[in-house]
Amino acid sequence: MVYARIGTRLARGFLLLSSAAAAALAACLPARADWVPTQPVRIVVPYAAGGGADIVVRRVGERAKDVLGQPVVVENRPGAGTAIGAMAVQNSAPDGHTLLLATSTTLAVNPNLQRRLTYAPEKFVPVAGLQSLPFMLNVSKDSPVKSLQELHAYAVAHPGRLNYGTLGQGSSNHVLGGLLGQRAAPGVMPIHYQSAGPAILALMRGDIHVYFDGISTSIPRLASGDLRGLAVTGKQRVRAAPAIPTVAEAGYPELGLTIWYGLVAPPGTPASIVQKLNSVFNQVLAQEAIVHSMQADGTEPLVLSPGQFGELIREDREVWGDAIRSLQIRLD
């Protein structure tokens, strides 16, 4: 059952926080000297420049160069649902000089959606987490709905009249919207957009009724009064919007799906290289400026060992898989 799986995931989240705290302490220790980069470290981002993933990688990479002793170069390779960037890294030399900015989409969602992937998600070597990002369920400032409970009541009273925005078939907010329709908002229908900008504008105009947006782009729109947040999908309320309840607090834990950003290496990358890179990036994530900048966006640093990150990837693949199968979404 999807609900049982998500409930287990939420419970494991508290253990993960404890593990992350231990990893953060370990990050303060000197990095292993088994391997030292001899050229710039390239991080391939499978998205266009300027998005949330791109911004966090550049922010972290700028500080990582001081620890690595080599520049960190960000290379944007968008397209094919992150497959172009993933393939580029999968075929790179496993020498520590090329990494992939991996997301839940690349390693957890896509394997459950597509019958024929051009890359092998299970072959990448987990290196380090970067950031944990919940979604926020938003409505326009003029919406009569002020809570998830009111959204449920409105959907029941107006059958077939509610819709939600997505970023295309199989996108994270398409899956979340589908789960919303299973219980919290019966009959809600998807309206697909090619990017977040048009979807947000449609929400603000009232062309769509609800939209699961990334937390970091929701926060400033809430502050400006353009949107109203109903709930966040994380395990805990976000520091930047403490008045917004979690979906579990609102009575709908099945909507508790989040995404993450992290770094993975090509297949066959030696453990000594992975450990050194993990130590370097965990040191950066523990820096006060990085912690504060992420928390201001409503996100949290994801400080994990390579093993913990690998477990998160496997667990998320199961969680998203359960949700996708329950909605019978499949892309050929």
C-alpha atoms as a PDB file:
ATOM      1  CA  MET A   1       0.000   0.000   0.000  1.00  0.00           C
ATOM      2  CA  VAL A   2       1.226   3.511  -0.838  1.00  0.00           C
ATOM      3  CA  TYR A   3       0.030   4.942   2.464  1.00  0.00           C
ATOM      4  CA  ALA A   4       1.811   2.290   4.525  1.00  0.00           C
ATOM      5  CA  ARG A   5       5.013   2.758   2.543  1.00  0.00           C
ATOM      6  CA  ILE A   6       4.949   6.522   2.989  1.00  0.00           C
ATOM      7  CA  GLY A   7       4.226   6.115   6.685  1.00  0.00           C
ATOM      8  CA  THR A   8       7.292   3.882   6.996  1.00  0.00           C
ATOM      9  CA  ARG A   9       9.320   6.459   5.098  1.00  0.00           C
ATOM     10  CA  LEU A  10       8.218   9.228   7.449  1.00  0.00           C
ATOM     11  CA  ALA A  11       9.215   7.121  10.450  1.00  0.00           C
ATOM     12  CA  ARG A  12      12.598   6.367   8.918  1.00  0.00           C
ATOM     13  CA  GLY A  13      13.042  10.080   8.332  1.00  0.00           C
ATOM     14  CA  PHE A  14      13.630  10.690  12.023  1.00  0.00           C
ATOM     15  CA  LEU A  15      16.351   8.040  12.011  1.00  0.00           C
ATOM     16  CA  LEU A  16      17.809   9.691   8.935  1.00  0.00           C
ATOM     17  CA  LEU A  17      17.981  13.017  10.745  1.00  0.00           C
ATOM     18  CA  SER A  18      19.973  11.378  13.530  1.00  0.00           C
ATOM     19  CA  SER A  19      22.295   9.789  11.006  1.00  0.00           C
ATOM     20  CA  ALA A  20      22.655  13.119   9.239  1.00  0.00           C
ATOM     21  CA  ALA A  21      23.656  14.771  12.505  1.00  0.00           C
ATOM     22  CA  ALA A  22      26.353  12.142  12.988  1.00  0.00           C
ATOM     23  CA  ALA A  23      27.522  12.663   9.430  1.00  0.00           C
ATOM     24  CA  ALA A  24      27.674  16.407   9.998  1.00  0.00           C
ATOM     25  CA  LEU A  25      29.978  15.819  12.976  1.00  0.00           C
ATOM     26  CA  ALA A  26      32.149  13.528  10.877  1.00  0.00           C
ATOM     27  CA  ALA A  27      32.274  16.218   8.197  1.00  0.00           C
ATOM     28  CA  CYS A  28      34.243  18.419  10.560  1.00  0.00           C
ATOM     29  CA  LEU A  29      37.075  15.879  10.662  1.00  0.00           C
ATOM     30  CA  PRO A  30      39.922  16.085   8.143  1.00  0.00           C
ATOM     31  CA  ALA A  31      39.157  14.541   4.756  1.00  0.00           C
ATOM     32  CA  ARG A  32      40.947  11.323   3.788  1.00  0.00           C
ATOM     33  CA  ALA A  33      44.075  11.969   1.781  1.00  0.00           C
ATOM     34  CA  ASP A  34      43.873   8.803  -0.357  1.00  0.00           C
ATOM     35  CA  TRP A  35      42.946  10.820  -3.425  1.00  0.00           C
ATOM     36  CA  VAL A  36      43.492  14.371  -4.584  1.00  0.00           C
ATOM     37  CA  PRO A  37      41.947  15.796  -7.774  1.00  0.00           C
ATOM     38  CA  THR A  38      44.528  16.703 -10.398  1.00  0.00           C
ATOM     39  CA  GLN A  39      42.176  18.741 -12.608  1.00  0.00           C
ATOM     40  CA  PRO A  40      38.888  20.648 -12.284  1.00  0.00           C
ATOM     41  CA  VAL A  41      35.955  18.634 -10.975  1.00  0.00           C
ATOM     42  CA  ARG A  42      33.040  18.765 -13.410  1.00  0.00           C
ATOM     43  CA  ILE A  43      29.462  18.505 -12.143  1.00  0.00           C
ATOM     44  CA  VAL A  44      26.950  17.760 -14.891  1.00  0.00           C
ATOM     45  CA  VAL A  45      23.520  19.247 -14.172  1.00  0.00           C
ATOM     46  CA  PRO A  46      20.783  17.605 -16.292  1.00  0.00           C
ATOM     47  CA  TYR A  47      18.691  20.787 -16.208  1.00  0.00           C
ATOM     48  CA  ALA A  48      18.904  24.240 -17.783  1.00  0.00           C
ATOM     49  CA  ALA A  49      20.872  26.977 -16.036  1.00  0.00           C
ATOM     50  CA  GLY A  50      19.054  29.107 -13.499  1.00  0.00           C
ATOM     51  CA  GLY A  51      16.806  26.462 -11.949  1.00  0.00           C
ATOM     52  CA  GLY A  52      16.829  25.361  -8.330  1.00  0.00           C
ATOM     53  CA  ALA A  53      19.179  22.410  -8.896  1.00  0.00           C
ATOM     54  CA  ASP A  54      21.602  24.550 -10.875  1.00  0.00           C
ATOM     55  CA  ILE A  55      21.639  27.279  -8.234  1.00  0.00           C
ATOM     56  CA  VAL A  56      22.398  24.954  -5.314  1.00  0.00           C
ATOM     57  CA  VAL A  57      25.188  23.155  -7.186  1.00  0.00           C
ATOM     58  CA  ARG A  58      26.880  26.429  -8.093  1.00  0.00           C
ATOM     59  CA  ARG A  59      26.534  27.696  -4.540  1.00  0.00           C
ATOM     60  CA  VAL A  60      28.043  24.538  -3.040  1.00  0.00           C
ATOM     61  CA  GLY A  61      30.622  24.083  -5.801  1.00  0.00           C
ATOM     62  CA  GLU A  62      31.983  27.586  -5.294  1.00  0.00           C
ATOM     63  CA  ARG A  63      32.865  26.700  -1.702  1.00  0.00           C
ATOM     64  CA  ALA A  64      33.974  23.141  -2.449  1.00  0.00           C
ATOM     65  CA  LYS A  65      36.775  24.383  -4.692  1.00  0.00           C
ATOM     66  CA  ASP A  66      38.554  25.832  -1.660  1.00  0.00           C
ATOM     67  CA  VAL A  67      38.550  22.414   0.033  1.00  0.00           C
ATOM     68  CA  LEU A  68      39.353  20.375  -3.089  1.00  0.00           C
ATOM     69  CA  GLY A  69      42.118  22.639  -4.288  1.00  0.00           C
ATOM     70  CA  GLN A  70      40.660  22.537  -7.810  1.00  0.00           C
ATOM     71  CA  PRO A  71      37.908  24.517  -9.553  1.00  0.00           C
ATOM     72  CA  VAL A  72      34.414  23.013  -9.637  1.00  0.00           C
ATOM     73  CA  VAL A  73      32.915  23.482 -13.090  1.00  0.00           C
ATOM     74  CA  VAL A  74      29.139  23.211 -13.584  1.00  0.00           C
ATOM     75  CA  GLU A  75      28.052  21.936 -16.990  1.00  0.00           C
ATOM     76  CA  ASN A  76      24.368  22.099 -17.907  1.00  0.00           C
ATOM     77  CA  ARG A  77      23.194  19.185 -20.078  1.00  0.00           C
ATOM     78  CA  PRO A  78      19.373  19.359 -20.067  1.00  0.00           C
ATOM     79  CA  GLY A  79      17.008  17.220 -22.083  1.00  0.00           C
ATOM     80  CA  ALA A  80      15.212  13.877 -22.356  1.00  0.00           C
ATOM     81  CA  GLY A  81      13.969  13.960 -18.776  1.00  0.00           C
ATOM     82  CA  THR A  82      17.556  14.220 -17.375  1.00  0.00           C
ATOM     83  CA  ALA A  83      18.736  11.277 -19.527  1.00  0.00           C
ATOM     84  CA  ILE A  84      21.213  13.309 -21.614  1.00  0.00           C
ATOM     85  CA  GLY A  85      23.166  14.478 -18.587  1.00  0.00           C
ATOM     86  CA  ALA A  86      22.926  11.085 -16.887  1.00  0.00           C
ATOM     87  CA  MET A  87      24.321   9.294 -19.951  1.00  0.00           C
ATOM     88  CA  ALA A  88      27.188  11.763 -20.225  1.00  0.00           C
ATOM     89  CA  VAL A  89      28.311  10.977 -16.676  1.00  0.00           C
ATOM     90  CA  GLN A  90      27.635   7.244 -16.877  1.00  0.00           C
ATOM     91  CA  ASN A  91      30.070   7.055 -19.808  1.00  0.00           C
ATOM     92  CA  SER A  92      32.739   9.210 -18.134  1.00  0.00           C
ATOM     93  CA  ALA A  93      35.976   7.971 -16.590  1.00  0.00           C
ATOM     94  CA  PRO A  94      35.492   6.840 -12.951  1.00  0.00           C
ATOM     95  CA  ASP A  95      38.338   9.004 -11.698  1.00  0.00           C
ATOM     96  CA  GLY A  96      36.465  11.459  -9.460  1.00  0.00           C
ATOM     97  CA  HIS A  97      36.673  14.360 -11.881  1.00  0.00           C
ATOM     98  CA  THR A  98      33.115  14.009 -13.245  1.00  0.00           C
ATOM     99  CA  LEU A  99      29.962  13.883 -11.130  1.00  0.00           C
ATOM    100  CA  LEU A 100      26.234  14.010 -11.835  1.00  0.00           C
ATOM    101  CA  LEU A 101      23.818  16.259 -10.013  1.00  0.00           C
ATOM    102  CA  ALA A 102      21.290  13.506  -9.306  1.00  0.00           C
ATOM    103  CA  THR A 103      17.697  14.146  -8.306  1.00  0.00           C
ATOM    104  CA  SER A 104      14.748  12.044  -7.243  1.00  0.00           C
ATOM    105  CA  THR A 105      13.529  12.353 -10.842  1.00  0.00           C
ATOM    106  CA  THR A 106      16.665  10.788 -12.316  1.00  0.00           C
ATOM    107  CA  LEU A 107      17.184   7.935  -9.878  1.00  0.00           C
ATOM    108  CA  ALA A 108      13.791   7.280  -8.229  1.00  0.00           C
ATOM    109  CA  VAL A 109      10.957   8.513 -10.460  1.00  0.00           C
ATOM    110  CA  ASN A 110      12.142   7.800 -14.013  1.00  0.00           C
ATOM    111  CA  PRO A 111      12.938   4.101 -13.359  1.00  0.00           C
ATOM    112  CA  ASN A 112       9.305   3.607 -12.346  1.00  0.00           C
ATOM    113  CA  LEU A 113       7.855   5.536 -15.286  1.00  0.00           C
ATOM    114  CA  GLN A 114       9.848   4.496 -18.328  1.00  0.00           C
ATOM    115  CA  ARG A 115      10.135   1.007 -19.743  1.00  0.00           C
ATOM    116  CA  ARG A 116      13.356   1.758 -21.600  1.00  0.00           C
ATOM    117  CA  LEU A 117      15.810   4.110 -19.939  1.00  0.00           C
ATOM    118  CA  THR A 118      18.934   5.059 -21.872  1.00  0.00           C
ATOM    119  CA  TYR A 119      20.943   5.070 -18.643  1.00  0.00           C
ATOM    120  CA  ALA A 120      21.214   2.596 -15.768  1.00  0.00           C
ATOM    121  CA  PRO A 121      20.222   4.322 -12.486  1.00  0.00           C
ATOM    122  CA  GLU A 122      21.428   1.460 -10.306  1.00  0.00           C
ATOM    123  CA  LYS A 123      24.983   1.652 -11.670  1.00  0.00           C
ATOM    124  CA  PHE A 124      25.787   5.156 -10.408  1.00  0.00           C
ATOM    125  CA  VAL A 125      27.890   5.355  -7.248  1.00  0.00           C
ATOM    126  CA  PRO A 126      26.314   7.499  -4.478  1.00  0.00           C
ATOM    127  CA  VAL A 127      28.726  10.213  -3.327  1.00  0.00           C
ATOM    128  CA  ALA A 128      26.930  12.817  -1.220  1.00  0.00           C
ATOM    129  CA  GLY A 129      23.542  14.348  -0.565  1.00  0.00           C
ATOM    130  CA  LEU A 130      23.086  18.068  -1.103  1.00  0.00           C
ATOM    131  CA  GLN A 131      19.584  19.258  -0.334  1.00  0.00           C
ATOM    132  CA  SER A 132      16.188  17.978   0.793  1.00  0.00           C
ATOM    133  CA  LEU A 133      13.204  19.788  -0.720  1.00  0.00           C
ATOM    134  CA  PRO A 134       9.528  19.424   0.182  1.00  0.00           C
ATOM    135  CA  PHE A 135       6.735  20.713  -2.019  1.00  0.00           C
ATOM    136  CA  MET A 136       4.117  23.244  -1.003  1.00  0.00           C
ATOM    137  CA  LEU A 137       0.507  22.896  -2.110  1.00  0.00           C
ATOM    138  CA  ASN A 138      -0.544  26.375  -3.191  1.00  0.00           C
ATOM    139  CA  VAL A 139      -3.726  28.164  -4.240  1.00  0.00           C
ATOM    140  CA  SER A 140      -4.147  31.704  -5.534  1.00  0.00           C
ATOM    141  CA  LYS A 141      -4.583  34.572  -3.095  1.00  0.00           C
ATOM    142  CA  ASP A 142      -8.215  34.905  -4.218  1.00  0.00           C
ATOM    143  CA  SER A 143      -9.111  31.246  -3.693  1.00  0.00           C
ATOM    144  CA  PRO A 144     -11.901  30.573  -1.181  1.00  0.00           C
ATOM    145  CA  VAL A 145      -9.890  27.545   0.028  1.00  0.00           C
ATOM    146  CA  LYS A 146      -7.694  28.116   3.080  1.00  0.00           C
ATOM    147  CA  SER A 147      -6.758  24.571   4.154  1.00  0.00           C
ATOM    148  CA  LEU A 148      -6.554  21.008   2.878  1.00  0.00           C
ATOM    149  CA  GLN A 149      -9.747  20.214   4.748  1.00  0.00           C
ATOM    150  CA  GLU A 150     -11.519  23.083   2.979  1.00  0.00           C
ATOM    151  CA  LEU A 151     -10.102  21.880  -0.335  1.00  0.00           C
ATOM    152  CA  HIS A 152     -11.649  18.468   0.301  1.00  0.00           C
ATOM    153  CA  ALA A 153     -15.011  20.028   1.124  1.00  0.00           C
ATOM    154  CA  TYR A 154     -14.859  22.233  -1.980  1.00  0.00           C
ATOM    155  CA  ALA A 155     -14.015  19.282  -4.240  1.00  0.00           C
ATOM    156  CA  VAL A 156     -16.929  17.267  -2.867  1.00  0.00           C
ATOM    157  CA  ALA A 157     -19.314  20.213  -3.288  1.00  0.00           C
ATOM    158  CA  HIS A 158     -18.096  20.995  -6.847  1.00  0.00           C
ATOM    159  CA  PRO A 159     -17.514  17.615  -8.532  1.00  0.00           C
ATOM    160  CA  GLY A 160     -15.457  17.741 -11.718  1.00  0.00           C
ATOM    161  CA  ARG A 161     -14.639  21.431 -11.438  1.00  0.00           C
ATOM    162  CA  LEU A 162     -11.229  21.361  -9.732  1.00  0.00           C
ATOM    163  CA  ASN A 163      -7.908  21.054 -11.588  1.00  0.00           C
ATOM    164  CA  TYR A 164      -4.227  21.130 -10.720  1.00  0.00           C
ATOM    165  CA  GLY A 165      -1.088  22.126 -12.594  1.00  0.00           C
ATOM    166  CA  THR A 166       1.739  19.748 -13.499  1.00  0.00           C
ATOM    167  CA  LEU A 167       5.035  19.919 -15.349  1.00  0.00           C
ATOM    168  CA  GLY A 168       3.990  17.135 -17.696  1.00  0.00           C
ATOM    169  CA  GLN A 169       3.051  13.463 -17.626  1.00  0.00           C
ATOM    170  CA  GLY A 170       4.923  11.636 -14.892  1.00  0.00           C
ATOM    171  CA  SER A 171       6.367  14.769 -13.273  1.00  0.00           C
ATOM    172  CA  SER A 172       6.611  14.888  -9.491  1.00  0.00           C
ATOM    173  CA  ASN A 173       3.702  17.294  -9.172  1.00  0.00           C
ATOM    174  CA  HIS A 174       1.666  15.151 -11.577  1.00  0.00           C
ATOM    175  CA  VAL A 175       2.122  12.212  -9.206  1.00  0.00           C
ATOM    176  CA  LEU A 176       1.352  14.349  -6.150  1.00  0.00           C
ATOM    177  CA  GLY A 177      -1.740  15.752  -7.812  1.00  0.00           C
ATOM    178  CA  GLY A 178      -2.887  12.229  -8.610  1.00  0.00           C
ATOM    179  CA  LEU A 179      -2.505  11.252  -4.963  1.00  0.00           C
ATOM    180  CA  LEU A 180      -4.397  14.411  -4.006  1.00  0.00           C
ATOM    181  CA  GLY A 181      -7.268  13.239  -6.177  1.00  0.00           C
ATOM    182  CA  GLN A 182      -7.396   9.813  -4.574  1.00  0.00           C
ATOM    183  CA  ARG A 183      -8.683  11.155  -1.277  1.00  0.00           C
ATOM    184  CA  ALA A 184      -8.075  14.817  -0.439  1.00  0.00           C
ATOM    185  CA  ALA A 185      -9.657  16.330  -3.576  1.00  0.00           C
ATOM    186  CA  PRO A 186     -11.781  13.727  -5.385  1.00  0.00           C
ATOM    187  CA  GLY A 187     -12.112  14.322  -9.105  1.00  0.00           C
ATOM    188  CA  VAL A 188      -9.320  16.909  -9.426  1.00  0.00           C
ATOM    189  CA  MET A 189      -7.995  16.909 -13.014  1.00  0.00           C
ATOM    190  CA  PRO A 190      -4.448  17.595 -14.296  1.00  0.00           C
ATOM    191  CA  ILE A 191      -3.533  20.502 -16.583  1.00  0.00           C
ATOM    192  CA  HIS A 192      -0.048  19.998 -18.037  1.00  0.00           C
ATOM    193  CA  TYR A 193       2.513  22.759 -18.592  1.00  0.00           C
ATOM    194  CA  GLN A 194       5.996  22.639 -20.086  1.00  0.00           C
ATOM    195  CA  SER A 195       7.655  24.609 -17.276  1.00  0.00           C
ATOM    196  CA  ALA A 196       6.974  26.040 -13.842  1.00  0.00           C
ATOM    197  CA  GLY A 197       6.681  29.671 -14.960  1.00  0.00           C
ATOM    198  CA  PRO A 198       3.465  29.267 -16.991  1.00  0.00           C
ATOM    199  CA  ALA A 199       1.993  26.968 -14.335  1.00  0.00           C
ATOM    200  CA  ILE A 200       2.537  29.554 -11.593  1.00  0.00           C
ATOM    201  CA  LEU A 201       1.064  32.323 -13.733  1.00  0.00           C
ATOM    202  CA  ALA A 202      -1.958  30.135 -14.458  1.00  0.00           C
ATOM    203  CA  LEU A 203      -2.432  29.559 -10.728  1.00  0.00           C
ATOM    204  CA  MET A 204      -2.188  33.271  -9.957  1.00  0.00           C
ATOM    205  CA  ARG A 205      -4.745  34.065 -12.692  1.00  0.00           C
ATOM    206  CA  GLY A 206      -7.109  31.355 -11.466  1.00  0.00           C
ATOM    207  CA  ASP A 207      -6.808  29.217 -14.609  1.00  0.00           C
ATOM    208  CA  ILE A 208      -5.838  26.314 -12.367  1.00  0.00           C
ATOM    209  CA  HIS A 209      -6.947  25.813  -8.788  1.00  0.00           C
ATOM    210  CA  VAL A 210      -4.030  24.133  -6.986  1.00  0.00           C
ATOM    211  CA  TYR A 211      -0.375  23.456  -7.713  1.00  0.00           C
ATOM    212  CA  PHE A 212       2.411  21.593  -5.910  1.00  0.00           C
ATOM    213  CA  ASP A 213       5.369  23.945  -6.270  1.00  0.00           C
ATOM    214  CA  GLY A 214       8.925  23.543  -5.028  1.00  0.00           C
ATOM    215  CA  ILE A 215       9.308  25.061  -1.571  1.00  0.00           C
ATOM    216  CA  SER A 216      12.121  27.462  -2.525  1.00  0.00           C
ATOM    217  CA  THR A 217      10.028  29.158  -5.226  1.00  0.00           C
ATOM    218  CA  SER A 218       6.879  29.106  -3.089  1.00  0.00           C
ATOM    219  CA  ILE A 219       8.358  31.023  -0.156  1.00  0.00           C
ATOM    220  CA  PRO A 220       8.861  34.396  -1.909  1.00  0.00           C
ATOM    221  CA  ARG A 221       5.408  34.229  -3.531  1.00  0.00           C
ATOM    222  CA  LEU A 222       3.821  33.601  -0.158  1.00  0.00           C
ATOM    223  CA  ALA A 223       5.758  36.511   1.307  1.00  0.00           C
ATOM    224  CA  SER A 224       4.561  38.818  -1.490  1.00  0.00           C
ATOM    225  CA  GLY A 225       0.967  37.704  -0.989  1.00  0.00           C
ATOM    226  CA  ASP A 226       0.570  36.341  -4.525  1.00  0.00           C
ATOM    227  CA  LEU A 227      -0.175  32.794  -3.350  1.00  0.00           C
ATOM    228  CA  ARG A 228      -1.528  31.013  -0.287  1.00  0.00           C
ATOM    229  CA  GLY A 229       0.092  27.828   1.016  1.00  0.00           C
ATOM    230  CA  LEU A 230      -2.159  25.045   2.251  1.00  0.00           C
ATOM    231  CA  ALA A 231       0.429  22.457   3.359  1.00  0.00           C
ATOM    232  CA  VAL A 232       4.012  21.285   2.894  1.00  0.00           C
ATOM    233  CA  THR A 233       4.909  17.704   2.007  1.00  0.00           C
ATOM    234  CA  GLY A 234       7.929  17.406   4.318  1.00  0.00           C
ATOM    235  CA  LYS A 235       8.092  15.602   7.653  1.00  0.00           C
ATOM    236  CA  GLN A 236       8.326  18.899   9.525  1.00  0.00           C
ATOM    237  CA  ARG A 237       7.148  22.464   9.044  1.00  0.00           C
ATOM    238  CA  VAL A 238       9.655  24.656   7.240  1.00  0.00           C
ATOM    239  CA  ARG A 239      11.450  27.403   9.138  1.00  0.00           C
ATOM    240  CA  ALA A 240      10.728  29.967   6.438  1.00  0.00           C
ATOM    241  CA  ALA A 241       6.937  29.435   6.686  1.00  0.00           C
ATOM    242  CA  PRO A 242       6.232  27.998  10.149  1.00  0.00           C
ATOM    243  CA  ALA A 243       2.481  28.676  10.017  1.00  0.00           C
ATOM    244  CA  ILE A 244       1.962  26.260   7.108  1.00  0.00           C
ATOM    245  CA  PRO A 245       1.117  22.733   8.386  1.00  0.00           C
ATOM    246  CA  THR A 246       2.543  19.533   7.003  1.00  0.00           C
ATOM    247  CA  VAL A 247       0.290  17.263   4.956  1.00  0.00           C
ATOM    248  CA  ALA A 248       0.415  14.747   7.798  1.00  0.00           C
ATOM    249  CA  GLU A 249      -0.776  17.379  10.293  1.00  0.00           C
ATOM    250  CA  ALA A 250      -3.584  18.238   7.875  1.00  0.00           C
ATOM    251  CA  GLY A 251      -4.684  14.586   7.864  1.00  0.00           C
ATOM    252  CA  TYR A 252      -3.230  13.449   4.529  1.00  0.00           C
ATOM    253  CA  PRO A 253       0.139  11.705   5.167  1.00  0.00           C
ATOM    254  CA  GLU A 254      -0.125   9.957   1.774  1.00  0.00           C
ATOM    255  CA  LEU A 255       0.943  13.272   0.208  1.00  0.00           C
ATOM    256  CA  GLY A 256       4.245  13.190   2.110  1.00  0.00           C
ATOM    257  CA  LEU A 257       6.534  12.914  -0.913  1.00  0.00           C
ATOM    258  CA  THR A 258       9.650  15.062  -1.143  1.00  0.00           C
ATOM    259  CA  ILE A 259      12.566  15.329  -3.542  1.00  0.00           C
ATOM    260  CA  TRP A 260      16.292  15.710  -3.057  1.00  0.00           C
ATOM    261  CA  TYR A 261      19.449  16.741  -4.860  1.00  0.00           C
ATOM    262  CA  GLY A 262      22.701  14.844  -4.504  1.00  0.00           C
ATOM    263  CA  LEU A 263      25.911  13.856  -6.272  1.00  0.00           C
ATOM    264  CA  VAL A 264      26.704  10.494  -7.851  1.00  0.00           C
ATOM    265  CA  ALA A 265      29.764   9.241  -9.703  1.00  0.00           C
ATOM    266  CA  PRO A 266      30.250   7.023 -12.770  1.00  0.00           C
ATOM    267  CA  PRO A 267      30.136   3.241 -12.292  1.00  0.00           C
ATOM    268  CA  GLY A 268      33.373   1.813 -10.953  1.00  0.00           C
ATOM    269  CA  THR A 269      34.529   4.902  -9.058  1.00  0.00           C
ATOM    270  CA  PRO A 270      36.882   3.697  -6.271  1.00  0.00           C
ATOM    271  CA  ALA A 271      35.724   3.920  -2.662  1.00  0.00           C
ATOM    272  CA  SER A 272      38.689   6.110  -1.653  1.00  0.00           C
ATOM    273  CA  ILE A 273      37.643   8.767  -4.176  1.00  0.00           C
ATOM    274  CA  VAL A 274      34.009   8.565  -3.099  1.00  0.00           C
ATOM    275  CA  GLN A 275      34.954   8.926   0.561  1.00  0.00           C
ATOM    276  CA  LYS A 276      37.151  11.958  -0.096  1.00  0.00           C
ATOM    277  CA  LEU A 277      34.476  13.707  -2.157  1.00  0.00           C
ATOM    278  CA  ASN A 278      31.822  12.882   0.436  1.00  0.00           C
ATOM    279  CA  SER A 279      33.953  14.414   3.183  1.00  0.00           C
ATOM    280  CA  VAL A 280      34.578  17.554   1.124  1.00  0.00           C
ATOM    281  CA  PHE A 281      30.931  18.188   0.260  1.00  0.00           C
ATOM    282  CA  ASN A 282      29.744  17.405   3.781  1.00  0.00           C
ATOM    283  CA  GLN A 283      32.202  19.987   5.095  1.00  0.00           C
ATOM    284  CA  VAL A 284      30.685  22.559   2.764  1.00  0.00           C
ATOM    285  CA  LEU A 285      27.105  21.640   3.733  1.00  0.00           C
ATOM    286  CA  ALA A 286      28.004  22.137   7.397  1.00  0.00           C
ATOM    287  CA  GLN A 287      29.126  25.726   6.783  1.00  0.00           C
ATOM    288  CA  GLU A 288      26.874  28.255   8.481  1.00  0.00           C
ATOM    289  CA  ALA A 289      26.325  30.339   5.338  1.00  0.00           C
ATOM    290  CA  ILE A 290      25.135  27.293   3.367  1.00  0.00           C
ATOM    291  CA  VAL A 291      22.833  26.118   6.156  1.00  0.00           C
ATOM    292  CA  HIS A 292      21.256  29.554   6.536  1.00  0.00           C
ATOM    293  CA  SER A 293      20.800  30.091   2.801  1.00  0.00           C
ATOM    294  CA  MET A 294      19.019  26.750   2.414  1.00  0.00           C
ATOM    295  CA  GLN A 295      16.812  27.240   5.445  1.00  0.00           C
ATOM    296  CA  ALA A 296      15.814  30.687   4.169  1.00  0.00           C
ATOM    297  CA  ASP A 297      14.536  28.914   1.043  1.00  0.00           C
ATOM    298  CA  GLY A 298      12.578  26.399   3.123  1.00  0.00           C
ATOM    299  CA  THR A 299      15.019  23.556   2.433  1.00  0.00           C
ATOM    300  CA  GLU A 300      17.628  21.684   4.477  1.00  0.00           C
ATOM    301  CA  PRO A 301      21.179  20.467   3.807  1.00  0.00           C
ATOM    302  CA  LEU A 302      21.213  16.720   3.169  1.00  0.00           C
ATOM    303  CA  VAL A 303      24.338  15.583   5.031  1.00  0.00           C
ATOM    304  CA  LEU A 304      24.752  11.837   4.476  1.00  0.00           C
ATOM    305  CA  SER A 305      27.444   9.217   4.127  1.00  0.00           C
ATOM    306  CA  PRO A 306      27.636   7.449   0.735  1.00  0.00           C
ATOM    307  CA  GLY A 307      25.904   4.438   2.261  1.00  0.00           C
ATOM    308  CA  GLN A 308      23.086   6.526   3.738  1.00  0.00           C
ATOM    309  CA  PHE A 309      22.604   8.307   0.424  1.00  0.00           C
ATOM    310  CA  GLY A 310      22.426   4.971  -1.383  1.00  0.00           C
ATOM    311  CA  GLU A 311      19.769   3.776   1.052  1.00  0.00           C
ATOM    312  CA  LEU A 312      17.755   6.966   0.509  1.00  0.00           C
ATOM    313  CA  ILE A 313      17.864   6.414  -3.260  1.00  0.00           C
ATOM    314  CA  ARG A 314      16.661   2.809  -2.920  1.00  0.00           C
ATOM    315  CA  GLU A 315      13.923   3.744  -0.466  1.00  0.00           C
ATOM    316  CA  ASP A 316      12.690   6.640  -2.588  1.00  0.00           C
ATOM    317  CA  ARG A 317      12.581   4.430  -5.674  1.00  0.00           C
ATOM    318  CA  GLU A 318      10.179   2.141  -3.812  1.00  0.00           C
ATOM    319  CA  VAL A 319       8.073   4.998  -2.424  1.00  0.00           C
ATOM    320  CA  TRP A 320       7.662   6.783  -5.749  1.00  0.00           C
ATOM    321  CA  GLY A 321       7.151   3.428  -7.453  1.00  0.00           C
ATOM    322  CA  ASP A 322       4.250   2.594  -5.145  1.00  0.00           C
ATOM    323  CA  ALA A 323       2.653   5.973  -5.837  1.00  0.00           C
ATOM    324  CA  ILE A 324       3.138   5.758  -9.604  1.00  0.00           C
ATOM    325  CA  ARG A 325       1.745   2.220  -9.782  1.00  0.00           C
ATOM    326  CA  SER A 326      -1.293   3.198  -7.729  1.00  0.00           C
ATOM    327  CA  LEU A 327      -2.020   5.917 -10.313  1.00  0.00           C
ATOM    328  CA  GLN A 328      -1.224   3.625 -13.249  1.00  0.00           C
ATOM    329  CA  ILE A 329       1.077   6.211 -14.851  1.00  0.00           C
ATOM    330  CA  ARG A 330       3.464   4.841 -17.460  1.00  0.00           C
ATOM    331  CA  LEU A 331       5.589   6.501 -20.132  1.00  0.00           C
ATOM    332  CA  ASP A 332       6.793   4.454 -23.120  1.00  0.00           C
END
